[in-house]
Amino acid sequence: MLRPAVSSSWLRNLYWENPMTVIHYIGLDVHKKTISYCIKTADGGIVREGKLQALRATLRSWAEGLGEPWWQ
């Protein structure tokens, strides 16, 4: 029987430490004047939260500033 080249705990640590494999979920609470946001990990840990003006340009610049690949 073949053994894996690396231990499974090492692979597990690699998965959690590599930012390209971590999925963040973003929740938006949209109101007339403000947009509140919360970015969380899959296990519920809060990464970042805050409030923005409810302007298209503000939301666009915030989304571009995330600096990570994302989709809608």
C-alpha atoms as a PDB file:
ATOM      1  CA  MET A   1       0.000   0.000   0.000  1.00  0.00           C
ATOM      2  CA  LEU A   2       1.323   3.443  -0.920  1.00  0.00           C
ATOM      3  CA  ARG A   3       1.758   6.118   1.718  1.00  0.00           C
ATOM      4  CA  PRO A   4       1.085   9.800   1.118  1.00  0.00           C
ATOM      5  CA  ALA A   5       4.219  11.865   0.525  1.00  0.00           C
ATOM      6  CA  VAL A   6       3.234  14.270   3.326  1.00  0.00           C
ATOM      7  CA  SER A   7       1.232  13.867   6.485  1.00  0.00           C
ATOM      8  CA  SER A   8      -2.427  14.824   6.490  1.00  0.00           C
ATOM      9  CA  SER A   9      -1.912  17.306   9.368  1.00  0.00           C
ATOM     10  CA  TRP A  10       0.617  19.183   7.243  1.00  0.00           C
ATOM     11  CA  LEU A  11      -1.897  19.342   4.383  1.00  0.00           C
ATOM     12  CA  ARG A  12      -4.588  20.542   6.787  1.00  0.00           C
ATOM     13  CA  ASN A  13      -2.312  23.354   8.046  1.00  0.00           C
ATOM     14  CA  LEU A  14      -1.386  24.278   4.498  1.00  0.00           C
ATOM     15  CA  TYR A  15      -5.071  24.522   3.607  1.00  0.00           C
ATOM     16  CA  TRP A  16      -5.918  26.835   6.496  1.00  0.00           C
ATOM     17  CA  GLU A  17      -2.825  29.018   6.154  1.00  0.00           C
ATOM     18  CA  ASN A  18      -3.013  29.559   2.399  1.00  0.00           C
ATOM     19  CA  PRO A  19      -5.159  32.671   1.758  1.00  0.00           C
ATOM     20  CA  MET A  20      -6.031  31.477  -1.742  1.00  0.00           C
ATOM     21  CA  THR A  21      -7.960  28.515  -0.323  1.00  0.00           C
ATOM     22  CA  VAL A  22      -9.882  30.387   2.386  1.00  0.00           C
ATOM     23  CA  ILE A  23     -13.406  31.436   1.483  1.00  0.00           C
ATOM     24  CA  HIS A  24     -14.748  34.626   3.000  1.00  0.00           C
ATOM     25  CA  TYR A  25     -18.441  35.442   3.038  1.00  0.00           C
ATOM     26  CA  ILE A  26     -19.577  39.067   2.835  1.00  0.00           C
ATOM     27  CA  GLY A  27     -22.902  40.262   4.183  1.00  0.00           C
ATOM     28  CA  LEU A  28     -24.267  43.669   3.243  1.00  0.00           C
ATOM     29  CA  ASP A  29     -27.019  45.529   5.086  1.00  0.00           C
ATOM     30  CA  VAL A  30     -28.128  48.208   2.624  1.00  0.00           C
ATOM     31  CA  HIS A  31     -29.984  51.310   3.751  1.00  0.00           C
ATOM     32  CA  LYS A  32     -30.774  54.605   2.092  1.00  0.00           C
ATOM     33  CA  LYS A  33     -27.696  56.469   3.401  1.00  0.00           C
ATOM     34  CA  THR A  34     -25.325  53.742   4.615  1.00  0.00           C
ATOM     35  CA  ILE A  35     -24.206  50.190   3.871  1.00  0.00           C
ATOM     36  CA  SER A  36     -22.958  48.045   6.754  1.00  0.00           C
ATOM     37  CA  TYR A  37     -20.758  45.082   5.874  1.00  0.00           C
ATOM     38  CA  CYS A  38     -19.336  42.076   7.647  1.00  0.00           C
ATOM     39  CA  ILE A  39     -16.732  39.714   6.211  1.00  0.00           C
ATOM     40  CA  LYS A  40     -16.640  36.266   7.844  1.00  0.00           C
ATOM     41  CA  THR A  41     -14.823  32.990   7.401  1.00  0.00           C
ATOM     42  CA  ALA A  42     -16.700  29.743   6.835  1.00  0.00           C
ATOM     43  CA  ASP A  43     -16.506  28.899  10.537  1.00  0.00           C
ATOM     44  CA  GLY A  44     -18.084  32.240  11.534  1.00  0.00           C
ATOM     45  CA  GLY A  45     -14.994  34.180  12.559  1.00  0.00           C
ATOM     46  CA  ILE A  46     -15.240  37.891  11.777  1.00  0.00           C
ATOM     47  CA  VAL A  47     -12.488  39.099   9.468  1.00  0.00           C
ATOM     48  CA  ARG A  48     -13.614  42.701   9.063  1.00  0.00           C
ATOM     49  CA  GLU A  49     -16.732  44.807   9.513  1.00  0.00           C
ATOM     50  CA  GLY A  50     -17.643  48.421   8.962  1.00  0.00           C
ATOM     51  CA  LYS A  51     -19.939  50.992   7.427  1.00  0.00           C
ATOM     52  CA  LEU A  52     -19.849  52.793   4.073  1.00  0.00           C
ATOM     53  CA  GLN A  53     -21.778  55.612   2.460  1.00  0.00           C
ATOM     54  CA  ALA A  54     -24.500  54.269   0.184  1.00  0.00           C
ATOM     55  CA  LEU A  55     -22.902  55.593  -2.989  1.00  0.00           C
ATOM     56  CA  ARG A  56     -22.029  53.487  -6.009  1.00  0.00           C
ATOM     57  CA  ALA A  57     -18.508  54.937  -6.256  1.00  0.00           C
ATOM     58  CA  THR A  58     -17.840  54.260  -2.570  1.00  0.00           C
ATOM     59  CA  LEU A  59     -19.027  50.663  -2.819  1.00  0.00           C
ATOM     60  CA  ARG A  60     -17.010  50.086  -5.996  1.00  0.00           C
ATOM     61  CA  SER A  61     -13.775  51.427  -4.477  1.00  0.00           C
ATOM     62  CA  TRP A  62     -14.350  49.347  -1.320  1.00  0.00           C
ATOM     63  CA  ALA A  63     -14.859  46.183  -3.399  1.00  0.00           C
ATOM     64  CA  GLU A  64     -11.756  46.892  -5.482  1.00  0.00           C
ATOM     65  CA  GLY A  65      -9.781  47.441  -2.280  1.00  0.00           C
ATOM     66  CA  LEU A  66     -10.477  43.930  -1.027  1.00  0.00           C
ATOM     67  CA  GLY A  67      -7.485  42.783  -3.029  1.00  0.00           C
ATOM     68  CA  GLU A  68      -8.619  39.164  -3.269  1.00  0.00           C
ATOM     69  CA  PRO A  69     -10.339  37.271  -6.061  1.00  0.00           C
ATOM     70  CA  TRP A  70     -14.111  37.409  -5.547  1.00  0.00           C
ATOM     71  CA  TRP A  71     -17.335  36.868  -7.405  1.00  0.00           C
ATOM     72  CA  GLN A  72     -20.924  37.992  -6.965  1.00  0.00           C
END
